[in-house]
C-alpha atoms as a PDB file:
ATOM      1  CA  MET A   1     -61.118-178.176  46.066  1.00  0.00           C
ATOM      2  CA  LEU A   2     -63.802-181.343  45.696  1.00  0.00           C
ATOM      3  CA  MET A   3     -61.420-183.348  43.936  1.00  0.00           C
ATOM      4  CA  GLU A   4     -59.183-182.935  47.542  1.00  0.00           C
ATOM      5  CA  GLY A   5     -61.900-184.142  49.281  1.00  0.00           C
ATOM      6  CA  LEU A   6     -61.701-187.381  47.581  1.00  0.00           C
ATOM      7  CA  ASN A   7     -58.275-188.092  47.920  1.00  0.00           C
ATOM      8  CA  VAL A   8     -57.266-187.114  43.932  1.00  0.00           C
ATOM      9  CA  LYS A   9     -54.107-185.427  43.391  1.00  0.00           C
ATOM     10  CA  ASP A  10     -53.776-185.329  40.023  1.00  0.00           C
ATOM     11  CA  ILE A  11     -56.514-184.813  37.438  1.00  0.00           C
ATOM     12  CA  ASP A  12     -55.537-186.044  34.021  1.00  0.00           C
ATOM     13  CA  GLU A  13     -57.405-186.145  31.068  1.00  0.00           C
ATOM     14  CA  THR A  14     -59.383-189.630  32.136  1.00  0.00           C
ATOM     15  CA  LYS A  15     -60.636-187.576  35.209  1.00  0.00           C
ATOM     16  CA  THR A  16     -60.977-184.415  33.389  1.00  0.00           C
ATOM     17  CA  SER A  17     -63.567-186.374  30.821  1.00  0.00           C
ATOM     18  CA  LEU A  18     -65.334-187.731  33.805  1.00  0.00           C
ATOM     19  CA  LEU A  19     -65.754-184.615  35.573  1.00  0.00           C
ATOM     20  CA  MET A  20     -66.358-182.224  32.863  1.00  0.00           C
ATOM     21  CA  GLY A  21     -66.195-183.974  29.772  1.00  0.00           C
ATOM     22  CA  SER A  22     -69.184-182.759  28.094  1.00  0.00           C
ATOM     23  CA  ILE A  23     -71.546-179.761  28.698  1.00  0.00           C
ATOM     24  CA  ARG A  24     -75.259-179.290  28.195  1.00  0.00           C
ATOM     25  CA  THR A  25     -77.470-175.962  28.772  1.00  0.00           C
ATOM     26  CA  ASN A  26     -81.174-175.699  29.108  1.00  0.00           C
ATOM     27  CA  LEU A  27     -83.429-172.384  28.796  1.00  0.00           C
ATOM     28  CA  ASN A  28     -86.107-173.694  30.704  1.00  0.00           C
ATOM     29  CA  TYR A  29     -89.729-171.318  30.334  1.00  0.00           C
ATOM     30  CA  TYR A  30     -92.527-172.445  33.322  1.00  0.00           C
ATOM     31  CA  PRO A  31     -95.267-170.217  31.822  1.00  0.00           C
ATOM     32  CA  ILE A  32     -98.293-168.609  34.705  1.00  0.00           C
ATOM     33  CA  CYS A  33    -100.325-171.164  35.894  1.00  0.00           C
ATOM     34  CA  PRO A  34    -103.304-169.747  37.148  1.00  0.00           C
ATOM     35  CA  ASP A  35    -103.675-172.499  39.611  1.00  0.00           C
ATOM     36  CA  PRO A  36    -100.219-173.900  40.305  1.00  0.00           C
ATOM     37  CA  GLU A  37    -101.582-176.375  42.844  1.00  0.00           C
ATOM     38  CA  LEU A  38    -102.940-178.531  40.242  1.00  0.00           C
ATOM     39  CA  THR A  39     -99.455-178.814  38.445  1.00  0.00           C
ATOM     40  CA  VAL A  40     -95.355-179.144  39.104  1.00  0.00           C
ATOM     41  CA  GLY A  41     -92.984-177.463  37.060  1.00  0.00           C
ATOM     42  CA  VAL A  42     -90.783-180.334  37.388  1.00  0.00           C
ATOM     43  CA  GLY A  43     -91.575-183.265  39.269  1.00  0.00           C
ATOM     44  CA  ARG A  44     -88.986-184.175  42.077  1.00  0.00           C
ATOM     45  CA  HIS A  45     -85.679-185.486  41.144  1.00  0.00           C
ATOM     46  CA  SER A  46     -82.024-185.669  41.510  1.00  0.00           C
ATOM     47  CA  ASP A  47     -79.716-184.541  38.205  1.00  0.00           C
ATOM     48  CA  VAL A  48     -77.470-186.862  36.474  1.00  0.00           C
ATOM     49  CA  SER A  49     -74.963-184.537  36.163  1.00  0.00           C
ATOM     50  CA  THR A  50     -71.177-184.379  37.788  1.00  0.00           C
ATOM     51  CA  LEU A  51     -72.383-180.663  39.170  1.00  0.00           C
ATOM     52  CA  THR A  52     -75.426-178.275  37.916  1.00  0.00           C
ATOM     53  CA  ILE A  53     -75.001-174.687  37.693  1.00  0.00           C
ATOM     54  CA  LEU A  54     -78.269-173.278  37.730  1.00  0.00           C
ATOM     55  CA  LEU A  55     -79.112-168.861  36.687  1.00  0.00           C
ATOM     56  CA  GLN A  56     -82.547-168.201  38.084  1.00  0.00           C
ATOM     57  CA  ASP A  57     -84.673-165.829  37.385  1.00  0.00           C
ATOM     58  CA  GLU A  58     -86.113-163.508  40.451  1.00  0.00           C
ATOM     59  CA  ILE A  59     -89.601-165.284  40.530  1.00  0.00           C
ATOM     60  CA  GLY A  60     -88.021-168.097  42.283  1.00  0.00           C
ATOM     61  CA  GLY A  61     -90.022-172.037  42.161  1.00  0.00           C
ATOM     62  CA  LEU A  62     -86.719-173.969  42.972  1.00  0.00           C
ATOM     63  CA  TYR A  63     -87.350-176.302  45.980  1.00  0.00           C
ATOM     64  CA  VAL A  64     -84.916-178.742  47.526  1.00  0.00           C
ATOM     65  CA  ARG A  65     -85.269-181.602  49.981  1.00  0.00           C
ATOM     66  CA  GLY A  66     -83.879-181.328  52.911  1.00  0.00           C
ATOM     67  CA  ASN A  67     -81.503-184.073  54.845  1.00  0.00           C
ATOM     68  CA  GLN A  68     -83.592-183.943  58.325  1.00  0.00           C
ATOM     69  CA  GLY A  69     -86.569-184.998  59.944  1.00  0.00           C
ATOM     70  CA  ASP A  70     -89.388-187.124  57.970  1.00  0.00           C
ATOM     71  CA  GLY A  71     -87.769-186.474  54.169  1.00  0.00           C
ATOM     72  CA  ASP A  72     -90.918-184.285  53.464  1.00  0.00           C
ATOM     73  CA  ASN A  73     -88.873-181.423  54.368  1.00  0.00           C
ATOM     74  CA  TRP A  74     -88.930-178.842  51.318  1.00  0.00           C
ATOM     75  CA  ILE A  75     -86.784-176.224  50.994  1.00  0.00           C
ATOM     76  CA  HIS A  76     -87.301-173.095  49.022  1.00  0.00           C
ATOM     77  CA  VAL A  77     -84.216-171.806  47.371  1.00  0.00           C
ATOM     78  CA  PRO A  78     -84.803-167.977  47.128  1.00  0.00           C
ATOM     79  CA  PRO A  79     -83.238-166.435  44.197  1.00  0.00           C
ATOM     80  CA  ILE A  80     -80.191-163.622  44.822  1.00  0.00           C
ATOM     81  CA  LYS A  81     -79.657-161.398  42.095  1.00  0.00           C
ATOM     82  CA  GLY A  82     -76.055-161.948  40.539  1.00  0.00           C
ATOM     83  CA  SER A  83     -75.613-165.632  42.191  1.00  0.00           C
ATOM     84  CA  LEU A  84     -75.416-169.169  41.072  1.00  0.00           C
ATOM     85  CA  VAL A  85     -76.884-172.287  42.448  1.00  0.00           C
ATOM     86  CA  ILE A  86     -74.673-174.987  41.929  1.00  0.00           C
ATOM     87  CA  ASN A  87     -75.894-179.095  42.844  1.00  0.00           C
ATOM     88  CA  VAL A  88     -74.280-181.908  42.990  1.00  0.00           C
ATOM     89  CA  GLY A  89     -75.440-184.498  40.572  1.00  0.00           C
ATOM     90  CA  ASP A  90     -75.595-188.401  40.812  1.00  0.00           C
ATOM     91  CA  ALA A  91     -72.680-188.764  38.540  1.00  0.00           C
ATOM     92  CA  LEU A  92     -70.334-186.802  41.207  1.00  0.00           C
ATOM     93  CA  GLN A  93     -72.182-189.078  43.952  1.00  0.00           C
ATOM     94  CA  ILE A  94     -71.169-191.808  42.329  1.00  0.00           C
ATOM     95  CA  LEU A  95     -68.072-190.945  41.857  1.00  0.00           C
ATOM     96  CA  SER A  96     -67.511-190.163  45.153  1.00  0.00           C
ATOM     97  CA  ASN A  97     -69.296-193.765  46.377  1.00  0.00           C
ATOM     98  CA  ASN A  98     -71.539-191.097  48.393  1.00  0.00           C
ATOM     99  CA  ARG A  99     -69.252-189.050  50.242  1.00  0.00           C
ATOM    100  CA  TYR A 100     -71.030-186.098  47.704  1.00  0.00           C
ATOM    101  CA  LYS A 101     -74.860-186.407  47.612  1.00  0.00           C
ATOM    102  CA  SER A 102     -76.971-185.358  44.744  1.00  0.00           C
ATOM    103  CA  VAL A 103     -79.435-183.202  45.385  1.00  0.00           C
ATOM    104  CA  GLU A 104     -83.044-184.221  44.940  1.00  0.00           C
ATOM    105  CA  HIS A 105     -84.920-180.938  43.658  1.00  0.00           C
ATOM    106  CA  CYS A 106     -88.193-179.656  42.389  1.00  0.00           C
ATOM    107  CA  VAL A 107     -89.894-176.676  40.680  1.00  0.00           C
ATOM    108  CA  ILE A 108     -93.106-175.328  41.994  1.00  0.00           C
ATOM    109  CA  ALA A 109     -95.159-173.786  39.006  1.00  0.00           C
ATOM    110  CA  ASN A 110     -96.062-169.744  39.822  1.00  0.00           C
ATOM    111  CA  GLY A 111     -99.566-168.529  39.962  1.00  0.00           C
ATOM    112  CA  THR A 112     -98.829-164.858  38.819  1.00  0.00           C
ATOM    113  CA  LYS A 113     -95.450-164.516  36.929  1.00  0.00           C
ATOM    114  CA  ASN A 114     -93.587-166.625  34.091  1.00  0.00           C
ATOM    115  CA  ARG A 115     -89.952-168.132  35.109  1.00  0.00           C
ATOM    116  CA  ILE A 116     -87.466-168.697  33.137  1.00  0.00           C
ATOM    117  CA  SER A 117     -83.920-170.582  34.580  1.00  0.00           C
ATOM    118  CA  VAL A 118     -80.805-171.490  32.501  1.00  0.00           C
ATOM    119  CA  PRO A 119     -79.045-174.811  34.365  1.00  0.00           C
ATOM    120  CA  ILE A 120     -75.587-175.912  32.720  1.00  0.00           C
ATOM    121  CA  PHE A 121     -74.979-179.243  33.348  1.00  0.00           C
ATOM    122  CA  VAL A 122     -71.714-180.390  33.874  1.00  0.00           C
ATOM    123  CA  ASN A 123     -71.475-184.328  32.960  1.00  0.00           C
ATOM    124  CA  PRO A 124     -69.137-187.124  31.883  1.00  0.00           C
ATOM    125  CA  LYS A 125     -68.942-187.950  28.427  1.00  0.00           C
ATOM    126  CA  PRO A 126     -71.450-190.558  27.380  1.00  0.00           C
ATOM    127  CA  THR A 127     -68.866-193.031  26.327  1.00  0.00           C
ATOM    128  CA  ASP A 128     -67.322-192.571  29.746  1.00  0.00           C
ATOM    129  CA  ILE A 129     -67.668-195.479  32.524  1.00  0.00           C
ATOM    130  CA  ILE A 130     -68.701-193.964  35.666  1.00  0.00           C
ATOM    131  CA  GLY A 131     -67.674-195.725  39.403  1.00  0.00           C
ATOM    132  CA  PRO A 132     -66.215-194.924  42.544  1.00  0.00           C
ATOM    133  CA  LEU A 133     -62.889-193.582  41.976  1.00  0.00           C
ATOM    134  CA  VAL A 134     -59.801-195.551  42.868  1.00  0.00           C
ATOM    135  CA  GLU A 135     -58.399-192.791  45.004  1.00  0.00           C
ATOM    136  CA  VAL A 136     -61.824-193.081  46.974  1.00  0.00           C
ATOM    137  CA  LEU A 137     -61.698-196.888  47.637  1.00  0.00           C
ATOM    138  CA  GLN A 138     -57.400-196.910  48.317  1.00  0.00           C
ATOM    139  CA  ASN A 139     -57.816-197.490  51.707  1.00  0.00           C
ATOM    140  CA  GLY A 140     -60.161-200.268  51.794  1.00  0.00           C
ATOM    141  CA  GLU A 141     -63.337-198.342  51.450  1.00  0.00           C
ATOM    142  CA  LYS A 142     -66.209-200.826  49.608  1.00  0.00           C
ATOM    143  CA  PRO A 143     -67.371-199.645  46.400  1.00  0.00           C
ATOM    144  CA  ILE A 144     -71.649-198.909  46.572  1.00  0.00           C
ATOM    145  CA  TYR A 145     -71.889-198.270  43.073  1.00  0.00           C
ATOM    146  CA  LYS A 146     -70.909-200.520  39.804  1.00  0.00           C
ATOM    147  CA  GLN A 147     -69.285-199.846  36.636  1.00  0.00           C
ATOM    148  CA  VAL A 148     -71.563-198.101  34.653  1.00  0.00           C
ATOM    149  CA  LEU A 149     -71.681-196.990  31.138  1.00  0.00           C
ATOM    150  CA  TYR A 150     -72.936-192.606  31.760  1.00  0.00           C
ATOM    151  CA  SER A 151     -75.022-193.006  28.419  1.00  0.00           C
ATOM    152  CA  ASP A 152     -77.165-195.914  29.560  1.00  0.00           C
ATOM    153  CA  TYR A 153     -76.991-193.913  32.767  1.00  0.00           C
ATOM    154  CA  VAL A 154     -78.842-191.504  31.275  1.00  0.00           C
ATOM    155  CA  LYS A 155     -81.041-193.320  29.234  1.00  0.00           C
ATOM    156  CA  HIS A 156     -82.366-195.074  32.471  1.00  0.00           C
ATOM    157  CA  PHE A 157     -83.276-191.967  34.009  1.00  0.00           C
ATOM    158  CA  PHE A 158     -84.678-190.477  30.547  1.00  0.00           C
ATOM    159  CA  ARG A 159     -86.996-193.920  30.355  1.00  0.00           C
ATOM    160  CA  LYS A 160     -88.939-193.244  33.304  1.00  0.00           C
ATOM    161  CA  ALA A 161     -91.051-190.143  34.868  1.00  0.00           C
ATOM    162  CA  HIS A 162     -88.953-188.183  37.795  1.00  0.00           C
ATOM    163  CA  ASP A 163     -89.056-190.399  41.144  1.00  0.00           C
ATOM    164  CA  GLY A 164     -86.575-188.430  43.374  1.00  0.00           C
ATOM    165  CA  LYS A 165     -83.400-190.086  43.792  1.00  0.00           C
ATOM    166  CA  LYS A 166     -84.496-193.558  42.908  1.00  0.00           C
ATOM    167  CA  THR A 167     -82.423-193.068  39.538  1.00  0.00           C
ATOM    168  CA  VAL A 168     -79.104-193.378  41.796  1.00  0.00           C
ATOM    169  CA  GLU A 169     -80.185-197.141  42.440  1.00  0.00           C
ATOM    170  CA  PHE A 170     -79.177-198.237  38.655  1.00  0.00           C
ATOM    171  CA  ALA A 171     -75.897-197.805  39.602  1.00  0.00           C
ATOM    172  CA  GLU A 172     -75.598-199.352  42.849  1.00  0.00           C
ATOM    173  CA  ILE A 173     -74.090-203.136  43.454  1.00  0.00           C
END
């Protein structure tokens, strides 16, 4: 369904690789923090993935930046038993030429309980080149992003501190 919104009619082997060529699962453990105001579980960032599928426990602590107002509008994502949170990642933002936007988010430490989350990152293969899809640009839309080796994009993300959505600037023209 996401691809239909990008005028992609046929998902061939190349597009399958770009969309879900590799999958990584993490198990995140956030121990109790007696003074949560002194720390952050994970700093503000957007994921480098195409999509991130997240299973949260019942503790909560995931916040996403809202797109309204002064830019400092953080919204708590309450955990709902049996549900998954699905985030658009930077790779899909780049492939879609900004039609889909990656989600800036962070995790806040909890003062009374341990927290566990299980994100599944659906990524292009490290050897894939990411850039706006041909179908997105077929009506004369100008590309916002250059063609980038996905492994270079990921290396850039891990070379620096979490800094919101600034990683995506690495791929901008």
